[in-house]
N, C-alpha and C. Protein backbone atom coordinates (compact mmCIF):
# COMPACT_ATOMS: atom_id res chain seq x y z
N UNK A 1 104.73 85.32 171.40
CA UNK A 1 105.14 86.02 172.60
C UNK A 1 104.06 85.82 173.67
N UNK A 2 104.50 85.62 174.90
CA UNK A 2 103.57 85.35 175.99
C UNK A 2 102.80 86.59 176.41
N UNK A 3 101.51 86.38 176.62
CA UNK A 3 100.65 87.43 177.15
C UNK A 3 100.54 87.21 178.66
N UNK A 4 100.77 88.28 179.40
CA UNK A 4 100.67 88.18 180.86
C UNK A 4 99.89 89.37 181.41
N UNK A 5 99.34 89.17 182.59
CA UNK A 5 98.74 90.24 183.37
C UNK A 5 99.59 90.37 184.62
N UNK A 6 100.05 91.57 184.88
CA UNK A 6 100.95 91.83 186.00
C UNK A 6 100.18 92.53 187.11
N UNK A 7 100.07 91.87 188.25
CA UNK A 7 99.39 92.47 189.40
C UNK A 7 100.19 93.69 189.85
N UNK A 8 99.50 94.63 190.44
CA UNK A 8 100.13 95.89 190.84
C UNK A 8 101.31 95.69 191.77
N UNK A 9 101.21 94.74 192.69
CA UNK A 9 102.32 94.52 193.63
C UNK A 9 103.59 94.10 192.90
N UNK A 10 103.45 93.33 191.84
CA UNK A 10 104.63 92.89 191.08
C UNK A 10 105.19 94.02 190.22
N UNK A 11 104.30 94.85 189.68
CA UNK A 11 104.78 96.03 188.96
C UNK A 11 105.60 96.91 189.90
N UNK A 12 105.10 97.13 191.10
CA UNK A 12 105.85 97.91 192.10
C UNK A 12 107.21 97.30 192.40
N UNK A 13 107.25 95.99 192.54
CA UNK A 13 108.50 95.30 192.85
C UNK A 13 109.52 95.41 191.72
N UNK A 14 109.05 95.64 190.49
CA UNK A 14 109.95 95.69 189.34
C UNK A 14 110.51 97.08 189.07
N UNK A 15 110.05 98.08 189.77
CA UNK A 15 110.46 99.46 189.47
C UNK A 15 111.86 99.81 189.97
N UNK A 16 112.21 99.56 191.22
CA UNK A 16 113.53 100.00 191.69
C UNK A 16 114.67 99.34 190.91
N UNK A 17 115.62 100.15 190.50
CA UNK A 17 116.74 99.62 189.70
C UNK A 17 117.56 98.59 190.45
N UNK A 18 117.59 98.68 191.77
CA UNK A 18 118.36 97.71 192.56
C UNK A 18 117.54 96.47 192.93
N UNK A 19 116.29 96.45 192.53
CA UNK A 19 115.44 95.30 192.83
C UNK A 19 115.85 94.11 191.98
N UNK A 20 115.84 92.91 192.55
CA UNK A 20 116.12 91.72 191.74
C UNK A 20 115.06 91.50 190.67
N UNK A 21 113.94 92.21 190.76
CA UNK A 21 112.84 92.05 189.81
C UNK A 21 112.79 93.16 188.76
N UNK A 22 113.75 94.08 188.80
CA UNK A 22 113.78 95.17 187.82
C UNK A 22 113.87 94.63 186.39
N UNK A 23 114.45 93.46 186.24
CA UNK A 23 114.58 92.85 184.91
C UNK A 23 113.20 92.62 184.27
N UNK A 24 112.18 92.42 185.08
CA UNK A 24 110.83 92.22 184.54
C UNK A 24 110.37 93.47 183.80
N UNK A 25 110.60 94.64 184.38
CA UNK A 25 110.25 95.89 183.71
C UNK A 25 111.12 96.10 182.48
N UNK A 26 112.41 95.83 182.59
CA UNK A 26 113.30 95.98 181.44
C UNK A 26 112.91 95.04 180.30
N UNK A 27 112.54 93.81 180.64
CA UNK A 27 112.14 92.86 179.60
C UNK A 27 110.84 93.27 178.93
N UNK A 28 109.93 93.88 179.67
CA UNK A 28 108.72 94.42 179.05
C UNK A 28 109.09 95.51 178.06
N UNK A 29 109.91 96.45 178.48
CA UNK A 29 110.31 97.55 177.61
C UNK A 29 111.08 97.05 176.39
N UNK A 30 111.77 95.92 176.54
CA UNK A 30 112.53 95.33 175.42
C UNK A 30 111.66 94.43 174.54
N UNK A 31 110.41 94.27 174.89
CA UNK A 31 109.50 93.49 174.05
C UNK A 31 109.59 91.99 174.21
N UNK A 32 109.96 91.52 175.39
CA UNK A 32 110.10 90.08 175.59
C UNK A 32 108.79 89.40 176.00
N UNK A 33 107.78 90.18 176.33
CA UNK A 33 106.44 89.64 176.61
C UNK A 33 105.42 90.74 176.37
N UNK A 34 104.17 90.34 176.28
CA UNK A 34 103.08 91.28 176.07
C UNK A 34 102.34 91.49 177.39
N UNK A 35 102.18 92.72 177.77
CA UNK A 35 101.47 93.07 178.99
C UNK A 35 100.03 93.41 178.64
N UNK A 36 99.10 92.67 179.22
CA UNK A 36 97.68 92.88 178.97
C UNK A 36 97.10 93.73 180.09
N UNK A 37 96.41 94.80 179.72
CA UNK A 37 95.81 95.69 180.71
C UNK A 37 94.41 96.09 180.27
N UNK A 38 93.58 96.37 181.24
CA UNK A 38 92.27 96.97 180.99
C UNK A 38 92.29 98.37 181.60
N UNK A 39 91.26 99.14 181.34
CA UNK A 39 91.18 100.47 181.96
C UNK A 39 91.23 100.37 183.48
N UNK A 40 90.52 99.38 184.02
CA UNK A 40 90.51 99.20 185.48
C UNK A 40 91.90 98.89 186.02
N UNK A 41 92.65 98.06 185.30
CA UNK A 41 94.01 97.71 185.72
C UNK A 41 94.90 98.95 185.69
N UNK A 42 94.83 99.71 184.61
CA UNK A 42 95.66 100.92 184.50
C UNK A 42 95.31 101.92 185.60
N UNK A 43 94.03 102.07 185.89
CA UNK A 43 93.63 102.99 186.96
C UNK A 43 94.17 102.55 188.32
N UNK A 44 94.18 101.23 188.57
CA UNK A 44 94.77 100.76 189.82
C UNK A 44 96.27 100.99 189.83
N UNK A 45 96.95 100.69 188.71
CA UNK A 45 98.38 100.97 188.63
C UNK A 45 98.64 102.44 189.01
N UNK A 46 97.88 103.33 188.38
CA UNK A 46 98.09 104.76 188.59
C UNK A 46 97.86 105.15 190.06
N UNK A 47 96.79 104.66 190.64
CA UNK A 47 96.47 105.00 192.04
C UNK A 47 97.55 104.49 193.00
N UNK A 48 97.92 103.24 192.87
CA UNK A 48 98.87 102.64 193.82
C UNK A 48 100.28 103.17 193.58
N UNK A 49 100.69 103.28 192.32
CA UNK A 49 102.04 103.80 192.04
C UNK A 49 102.18 105.23 192.54
N UNK A 50 101.18 106.05 192.32
CA UNK A 50 101.24 107.44 192.79
C UNK A 50 101.42 107.48 194.30
N UNK A 51 100.70 106.64 195.00
CA UNK A 51 100.79 106.59 196.46
C UNK A 51 102.15 106.07 196.93
N UNK A 52 102.69 105.07 196.25
CA UNK A 52 103.90 104.39 196.72
C UNK A 52 105.21 105.02 196.23
N UNK A 53 105.22 105.51 194.97
CA UNK A 53 106.48 106.01 194.41
C UNK A 53 106.41 107.46 193.94
N UNK A 54 105.27 108.10 194.10
CA UNK A 54 105.13 109.49 193.71
C UNK A 54 104.57 109.65 192.30
N UNK A 55 104.02 110.83 192.05
CA UNK A 55 103.33 111.04 190.78
C UNK A 55 104.26 111.08 189.58
N UNK A 56 105.48 111.58 189.73
CA UNK A 56 106.40 111.65 188.60
C UNK A 56 106.76 110.25 188.10
N UNK A 57 107.20 109.39 189.01
CA UNK A 57 107.56 108.02 188.63
C UNK A 57 106.32 107.28 188.13
N UNK A 58 105.20 107.46 188.82
CA UNK A 58 103.96 106.79 188.41
C UNK A 58 103.58 107.19 186.99
N UNK A 59 103.62 108.49 186.70
CA UNK A 59 103.27 108.95 185.35
C UNK A 59 104.22 108.40 184.30
N UNK A 60 105.51 108.35 184.62
CA UNK A 60 106.48 107.81 183.66
C UNK A 60 106.22 106.34 183.37
N UNK A 61 105.94 105.56 184.40
CA UNK A 61 105.66 104.13 184.22
C UNK A 61 104.37 103.94 183.44
N UNK A 62 103.31 104.64 183.83
CA UNK A 62 102.02 104.51 183.15
C UNK A 62 102.15 104.93 181.69
N UNK A 63 102.82 106.04 181.43
CA UNK A 63 103.00 106.49 180.04
C UNK A 63 103.79 105.49 179.22
N UNK A 64 104.81 104.87 179.83
CA UNK A 64 105.58 103.85 179.12
C UNK A 64 104.70 102.65 178.78
N UNK A 65 103.86 102.25 179.71
CA UNK A 65 102.94 101.13 179.45
C UNK A 65 101.96 101.49 178.34
N UNK A 66 101.35 102.67 178.44
CA UNK A 66 100.35 103.08 177.46
C UNK A 66 100.93 103.26 176.07
N UNK A 67 102.18 103.70 175.99
CA UNK A 67 102.80 103.96 174.69
C UNK A 67 103.45 102.74 174.06
N UNK A 68 103.63 101.69 174.82
CA UNK A 68 104.38 100.53 174.34
C UNK A 68 103.59 99.70 173.33
N UNK A 69 104.30 99.26 172.31
CA UNK A 69 103.69 98.33 171.35
C UNK A 69 103.56 96.93 171.95
N UNK A 70 104.12 96.74 173.13
CA UNK A 70 104.03 95.45 173.82
C UNK A 70 102.87 95.41 174.82
N UNK A 71 102.03 96.42 174.78
CA UNK A 71 100.85 96.48 175.64
C UNK A 71 99.63 96.12 174.81
N UNK A 72 98.82 95.23 175.35
CA UNK A 72 97.55 94.88 174.71
C UNK A 72 96.44 95.42 175.60
N UNK A 73 95.62 96.27 175.02
CA UNK A 73 94.51 96.87 175.75
C UNK A 73 93.28 95.99 175.62
N UNK A 74 92.71 95.64 176.75
CA UNK A 74 91.59 94.70 176.82
C UNK A 74 90.38 95.40 177.41
N UNK A 75 89.22 95.10 176.84
CA UNK A 75 87.96 95.60 177.38
C UNK A 75 87.11 94.40 177.76
N UNK A 76 87.30 93.86 178.97
CA UNK A 76 86.56 92.66 179.36
C UNK A 76 85.05 92.89 179.27
N UNK A 77 84.38 91.94 178.64
CA UNK A 77 82.94 92.04 178.46
C UNK A 77 82.17 91.30 179.56
N UNK A 78 82.88 90.49 180.32
CA UNK A 78 82.23 89.69 181.34
C UNK A 78 82.99 89.82 182.65
N UNK A 79 82.27 89.79 183.74
CA UNK A 79 82.84 89.81 185.09
C UNK A 79 82.68 88.41 185.67
N UNK A 80 83.79 87.74 185.94
CA UNK A 80 83.75 86.34 186.37
C UNK A 80 83.62 86.15 187.87
N UNK A 81 84.06 87.12 188.66
CA UNK A 81 83.93 87.07 190.12
C UNK A 81 84.53 85.79 190.72
N UNK A 82 85.73 85.42 190.28
CA UNK A 82 86.37 84.19 190.75
C UNK A 82 87.10 84.37 192.08
N UNK A 83 87.54 85.59 192.37
CA UNK A 83 88.29 85.85 193.60
C UNK A 83 87.30 86.36 194.64
N UNK A 84 86.93 85.49 195.54
CA UNK A 84 85.95 85.86 196.58
C UNK A 84 86.60 86.59 197.74
N UNK A 85 87.85 86.25 198.06
CA UNK A 85 88.51 86.82 199.23
C UNK A 85 88.96 88.27 199.02
N UNK A 86 89.12 88.70 197.77
CA UNK A 86 89.50 90.08 197.46
C UNK A 86 88.87 90.46 196.12
N UNK A 87 87.58 90.75 196.11
CA UNK A 87 86.86 90.99 194.86
C UNK A 87 87.47 92.08 193.98
N UNK A 88 88.20 93.02 194.58
CA UNK A 88 88.83 94.08 193.80
C UNK A 88 89.85 93.53 192.81
N UNK A 89 90.43 92.37 193.11
CA UNK A 89 91.42 91.79 192.20
C UNK A 89 90.80 91.00 191.05
N UNK A 90 89.49 90.92 191.00
CA UNK A 90 88.85 90.25 189.87
C UNK A 90 89.14 90.96 188.56
N UNK A 91 89.48 92.24 188.61
CA UNK A 91 89.81 92.97 187.38
C UNK A 91 90.99 92.32 186.65
N UNK A 92 91.93 91.75 187.41
CA UNK A 92 93.08 91.09 186.80
C UNK A 92 92.69 89.76 186.17
N UNK A 93 91.80 89.03 186.83
CA UNK A 93 91.30 87.76 186.29
C UNK A 93 90.49 88.02 185.04
N UNK A 94 89.59 88.99 185.08
CA UNK A 94 88.76 89.32 183.92
C UNK A 94 89.64 89.72 182.74
N UNK A 95 90.67 90.49 183.01
CA UNK A 95 91.61 90.90 181.96
C UNK A 95 92.34 89.70 181.39
N UNK A 96 92.82 88.81 182.24
CA UNK A 96 93.56 87.63 181.79
C UNK A 96 92.69 86.72 180.92
N UNK A 97 91.46 86.49 181.35
CA UNK A 97 90.56 85.63 180.58
C UNK A 97 90.26 86.27 179.23
N UNK A 98 89.92 87.55 179.22
CA UNK A 98 89.57 88.25 177.98
C UNK A 98 90.76 88.36 177.03
N UNK A 99 91.96 88.42 177.57
CA UNK A 99 93.17 88.58 176.75
C UNK A 99 93.76 87.26 176.30
N UNK A 100 93.21 86.15 176.78
CA UNK A 100 93.84 84.85 176.55
C UNK A 100 95.28 84.85 177.03
N UNK A 101 95.49 85.44 178.19
CA UNK A 101 96.83 85.51 178.77
C UNK A 101 97.26 84.14 179.26
N UNK A 102 98.56 83.97 179.34
CA UNK A 102 99.11 82.71 179.85
C UNK A 102 99.24 82.75 181.37
N UNK A 103 99.60 83.92 181.90
CA UNK A 103 99.85 84.04 183.34
C UNK A 103 99.27 85.32 183.92
N UNK A 104 98.84 85.23 185.16
CA UNK A 104 98.71 86.39 186.04
C UNK A 104 99.90 86.29 186.97
N UNK A 105 100.71 87.33 187.01
CA UNK A 105 101.89 87.33 187.88
C UNK A 105 101.53 88.12 189.13
N UNK A 106 101.55 87.44 190.27
CA UNK A 106 101.13 88.06 191.52
C UNK A 106 101.74 87.34 192.71
N UNK A 107 101.90 88.07 193.77
CA UNK A 107 102.34 87.51 195.04
C UNK A 107 101.15 87.18 195.95
N UNK A 108 99.96 87.55 195.53
CA UNK A 108 98.77 87.38 196.36
C UNK A 108 98.28 85.93 196.33
N UNK A 109 98.02 85.40 197.51
CA UNK A 109 97.60 84.00 197.62
C UNK A 109 96.14 83.78 197.29
N UNK A 110 95.35 84.83 197.21
CA UNK A 110 93.96 84.60 196.85
C UNK A 110 93.79 84.17 195.40
N UNK A 111 94.87 84.26 194.62
CA UNK A 111 94.84 83.72 193.25
C UNK A 111 95.00 82.20 193.23
N UNK A 112 95.22 81.60 194.39
CA UNK A 112 95.37 80.14 194.45
C UNK A 112 94.16 79.42 193.88
N UNK A 113 93.01 80.05 193.87
CA UNK A 113 91.80 79.43 193.33
C UNK A 113 91.94 79.12 191.83
N UNK A 114 92.83 79.84 191.15
CA UNK A 114 93.03 79.58 189.72
C UNK A 114 94.40 78.98 189.41
N UNK A 115 95.27 78.93 190.40
CA UNK A 115 96.63 78.45 190.18
C UNK A 115 96.61 76.99 189.72
N UNK A 116 97.09 76.76 188.51
CA UNK A 116 97.18 75.42 187.91
C UNK A 116 95.84 74.69 187.91
N UNK A 117 94.77 75.42 187.80
CA UNK A 117 93.43 74.84 187.72
C UNK A 117 93.16 74.49 186.26
N UNK A 118 92.91 73.22 185.95
CA UNK A 118 92.71 72.82 184.56
C UNK A 118 91.46 73.42 183.92
N UNK A 119 90.62 74.03 184.73
CA UNK A 119 89.42 74.67 184.21
C UNK A 119 89.75 75.93 183.41
N UNK A 120 90.94 76.50 183.66
CA UNK A 120 91.32 77.75 183.03
C UNK A 120 92.50 77.54 182.08
N UNK A 121 92.58 78.40 181.06
CA UNK A 121 93.68 78.33 180.09
C UNK A 121 94.89 79.13 180.54
N UNK A 122 94.85 79.68 181.72
CA UNK A 122 95.97 80.45 182.27
C UNK A 122 96.15 80.04 183.72
N UNK A 123 97.25 80.49 184.30
CA UNK A 123 97.47 80.21 185.71
C UNK A 123 98.07 81.44 186.38
N UNK A 124 98.06 81.44 187.69
CA UNK A 124 98.71 82.49 188.46
C UNK A 124 100.07 81.96 188.91
N UNK A 125 101.08 82.78 188.72
CA UNK A 125 102.43 82.42 189.16
C UNK A 125 102.99 83.59 189.96
N UNK A 126 103.98 83.29 190.80
CA UNK A 126 104.57 84.38 191.56
C UNK A 126 105.69 85.03 190.76
N UNK A 127 106.19 86.11 191.27
CA UNK A 127 107.16 86.92 190.55
C UNK A 127 108.48 86.16 190.31
N UNK A 128 108.88 85.31 191.25
CA UNK A 128 110.10 84.53 191.07
C UNK A 128 109.96 83.54 189.91
N UNK A 129 108.80 82.91 189.81
CA UNK A 129 108.56 81.97 188.71
C UNK A 129 108.58 82.70 187.38
N UNK A 130 107.98 83.88 187.33
CA UNK A 130 107.96 84.64 186.07
C UNK A 130 109.37 85.10 185.70
N UNK A 131 110.13 85.55 186.67
CA UNK A 131 111.51 85.95 186.40
C UNK A 131 112.32 84.78 185.86
N UNK A 132 112.12 83.59 186.42
CA UNK A 132 112.82 82.39 185.93
C UNK A 132 112.42 82.09 184.49
N UNK A 133 111.15 82.25 184.15
CA UNK A 133 110.70 82.03 182.78
C UNK A 133 111.38 83.02 181.84
N UNK A 134 111.44 84.28 182.24
CA UNK A 134 112.08 85.30 181.41
C UNK A 134 113.57 85.02 181.21
N UNK A 135 114.19 84.39 182.21
CA UNK A 135 115.61 84.06 182.11
C UNK A 135 115.84 82.77 181.33
N UNK A 136 114.77 82.19 180.81
CA UNK A 136 114.92 80.99 179.99
C UNK A 136 114.61 79.70 180.70
N UNK A 137 114.15 79.80 181.92
CA UNK A 137 113.78 78.59 182.66
C UNK A 137 112.38 78.15 182.29
N UNK A 138 111.95 77.10 182.90
CA UNK A 138 110.59 76.63 182.65
C UNK A 138 109.81 76.64 183.95
N UNK A 139 108.51 76.64 183.80
CA UNK A 139 107.64 76.66 184.95
C UNK A 139 107.44 75.25 185.45
N UNK A 140 107.67 75.07 186.74
CA UNK A 140 107.48 73.76 187.37
C UNK A 140 106.23 73.84 188.23
N UNK A 141 105.35 72.85 188.09
CA UNK A 141 104.10 72.85 188.89
C UNK A 141 104.41 72.69 190.35
């Protein structure tokens, strides 16, 4: 099963039931991929979700992530500092490297520094590419 790190913006996009990306959340809950998180990632999820969708929805989503057998909890031992343009997002890179994740799913372009870079064992893909993979498609460079 694929290990992925989901950037907060993509988690937000997957919450509304009418969103074309809601299937990403449903597929996580159905066990179709493994979500890798660190304490820092969960804290960002909680902060941003609470601000954007309210504390009730935020708590329900966070509790579902924390309780899921499809969640892998990571404690990164090293800080790589690969994202210079938005250092706060290095928590996602550190988590992906420590988890041996296949993808960071994000809409943010500052991940371009790692996108399809042969130096890394993972890549950054956007939410549409990840949705296509979940639907049985393949990733095209």
